[in-house]
Protein backbone atom coordinates (compact mmCIF):
# COMPACT_ATOMS: atom_id res chain seq x y z
CA MET A 1 15.36 6.39 8.91
CA ALA A 2 15.24 6.22 12.72
CA HIS A 3 12.01 7.00 14.52
CA ASP A 4 11.19 8.55 17.88
CA LEU A 5 9.48 5.66 19.67
CA HIS A 6 6.87 7.98 21.12
CA ALA A 7 6.00 9.42 17.71
CA LEU A 8 5.84 6.45 15.34
CA ASP A 9 3.67 7.50 12.42
CA ASP A 10 0.42 5.82 11.40
CA ALA A 11 1.90 4.23 8.25
CA TYR A 12 4.72 2.62 10.27
CA LEU A 13 2.30 1.25 12.86
CA ALA A 14 -0.13 0.04 10.17
CA PHE A 15 2.73 -1.85 8.51
CA TRP A 16 3.25 -3.74 11.80
CA ARG A 17 -0.42 -4.82 11.73
CA GLU A 18 -0.34 -6.18 8.16
CA TYR A 19 0.21 -9.86 7.43
CA GLN A 20 3.97 -9.71 6.97
CA LEU A 21 6.53 -12.29 7.95
CA CYS A 22 9.56 -11.04 9.84
CA THR A 23 13.08 -12.11 10.58
CA LEU A 24 14.25 -12.37 14.17
CA THR A 25 17.97 -11.97 14.78
CA THR A 26 19.29 -13.34 18.07
CA PRO A 27 22.90 -13.74 19.21
CA ARG A 28 24.29 -17.26 19.38
CA PRO A 29 26.47 -18.05 22.41
CA ASP A 30 29.56 -17.39 20.24
CA GLY A 31 28.18 -13.92 19.35
CA SER A 32 27.34 -14.71 15.73
CA PRO A 33 23.86 -13.77 14.48
CA HIS A 34 21.13 -16.38 14.19
CA VAL A 35 18.44 -15.15 11.73
CA VAL A 36 15.14 -16.98 11.25
CA PRO A 37 11.72 -16.18 9.77
CA VAL A 38 8.96 -15.64 12.35
CA GLY A 39 5.54 -14.21 12.85
CA ALA A 40 5.72 -11.29 15.27
CA THR A 41 3.49 -8.68 16.82
CA PHE A 42 4.29 -5.17 18.04
CA ASP A 43 2.33 -3.23 20.67
CA PRO A 44 3.32 0.44 20.32
CA GLU A 45 1.55 1.40 23.57
CA THR A 46 3.81 -0.79 25.71
CA LEU A 47 6.72 -0.86 23.21
CA THR A 48 6.66 -4.65 23.35
CA ALA A 49 7.15 -7.03 20.44
CA ARG A 50 6.30 -10.71 20.82
CA VAL A 51 7.31 -13.92 19.06
CA ILE A 52 5.75 -17.25 20.02
CA SER A 53 7.88 -20.36 19.74
CA SER A 54 8.62 -23.77 21.13
CA ARG A 55 10.86 -23.65 24.21
CA THR A 56 13.36 -25.96 22.47
CA SER A 57 13.97 -23.73 19.43
CA ARG A 58 17.44 -22.28 18.84
CA LYS A 59 16.10 -18.71 18.98
CA VAL A 60 14.58 -19.32 22.43
CA ARG A 61 17.75 -21.02 23.64
CA ASN A 62 19.83 -18.08 22.36
CA VAL A 63 17.77 -15.64 24.43
CA VAL A 64 17.79 -17.86 27.52
CA GLU A 65 21.52 -18.49 27.25
CA ALA A 66 22.15 -14.72 27.17
CA GLY A 67 21.25 -14.68 30.87
CA GLU A 68 18.92 -12.72 33.11
CA ALA A 69 19.77 -9.39 31.48
CA GLY A 70 18.25 -10.69 28.25
CA ALA A 71 19.55 -10.69 24.69
CA ARG A 72 19.78 -7.76 22.30
CA VAL A 73 17.67 -8.73 19.24
CA ALA A 74 16.19 -7.26 16.08
CA LEU A 75 12.91 -7.91 14.25
CA CYS A 76 12.71 -6.87 10.61
CA GLN A 77 10.03 -7.02 7.93
CA VAL A 78 10.29 -6.02 4.28
CA ASP A 79 7.70 -5.47 1.56
CA ARG A 80 9.36 -4.14 -1.59
CA ALA A 81 10.52 -0.59 -0.72
CA ARG A 82 8.75 -0.62 2.65
CA TRP A 83 10.71 -1.93 5.59
CA ALA A 84 10.67 -1.76 9.35
CA THR A 85 13.16 -2.89 11.96
CA ILE A 86 12.62 -2.78 15.70
CA GLU A 87 15.32 -3.59 18.21
CA GLY A 88 15.39 -4.21 21.93
CA VAL A 89 16.15 -6.56 24.77
CA ALA A 90 14.43 -9.95 24.68
CA ARG A 91 13.52 -12.31 27.49
CA VAL A 92 11.61 -15.60 27.37
CA SER A 93 8.41 -16.11 29.36
CA ASP A 94 6.52 -19.32 29.98
CA ASP A 95 3.88 -17.56 32.10
CA PRO A 96 0.54 -19.01 30.88
CA ASP A 97 -1.15 -15.58 30.77
CA ALA A 98 1.73 -14.02 28.83
CA VAL A 99 1.78 -16.93 26.38
CA ALA A 100 -2.02 -16.78 25.92
CA ASP A 101 -1.84 -13.02 25.28
CA ALA A 102 0.92 -13.53 22.72
CA VAL A 103 -1.07 -16.29 20.98
CA ARG A 104 -4.14 -14.01 20.82
CA ARG A 105 -2.08 -11.20 19.27
CA TYR A 106 -0.48 -13.63 16.79
CA ALA A 107 -3.93 -14.95 15.77
CA GLU A 108 -5.13 -11.38 15.12
CA ARG A 109 -2.23 -10.64 12.78
CA TYR A 110 -1.79 -14.04 11.14
CA ARG A 111 -3.98 -17.03 12.01
CA GLN A 112 -4.69 -19.24 15.00
CA PRO A 113 -1.46 -21.17 15.66
CA ARG A 114 -1.44 -24.91 16.17
CA VAL A 115 -1.61 -26.18 19.74
CA ASN A 116 1.86 -26.45 21.26
CA PRO A 117 2.24 -27.47 24.92
CA GLU A 118 5.92 -26.42 24.70
CA ARG A 119 5.04 -22.85 23.65
CA VAL A 120 6.75 -19.86 25.22
CA VAL A 121 6.87 -16.21 24.24
CA ILE A 122 9.90 -14.12 23.45
CA GLU A 123 9.04 -10.65 24.75
CA ILE A 124 11.10 -7.78 23.36
CA ARG A 125 11.21 -4.39 25.10
CA VAL A 126 11.62 -2.18 22.05
CA ASP A 127 14.02 0.75 22.34
CA ARG A 128 14.78 1.50 18.67
CA ALA A 129 12.69 1.67 15.50
CA MET A 130 13.85 2.28 11.95
CA GLY A 131 12.27 2.03 8.56
CA ARG A 132 10.20 3.48 5.77
CA ALA A 133 6.59 2.38 5.49
C-alpha cells in the first residue's frame, strides 16, 4: 500500500528503525537494475535515506554515472509479512560532515562501521513510500 509521506504511521517508521538489512536498487549505465544488500537509515523529518559505502563500489558508481540530476533508486526491507520500500532520487556526497552524520545514523541502527577512508554517502531524497509494517 502507498503512503502519504507526510503521514507515515508509527509502525512504518518503527520498522525503519529496527535492525533490518535492506536492498538498494540502482540503475546501471545500460538501464538494468543493480540490486545489493545494504544497511540504510531513513529520516522521516527530512525525507532522506542514507547508505554509506566505499566510493569505488558499483552502487556508488551507478549513482555518479547517472549525472548531476541523480539516479532514481529504491530501498526495500522485508521481515516475513512486513515490508517497506522507499524510492527517490539519489546523489553521492563525500562531504566530511555528511559522511560523519550518515556513519552516526548507521551506528545507531546497526553497529559502528569499520574505518574506511574511501567512504561516501548515498543520500536519497525520498518521494514515495510503500509497504505494510
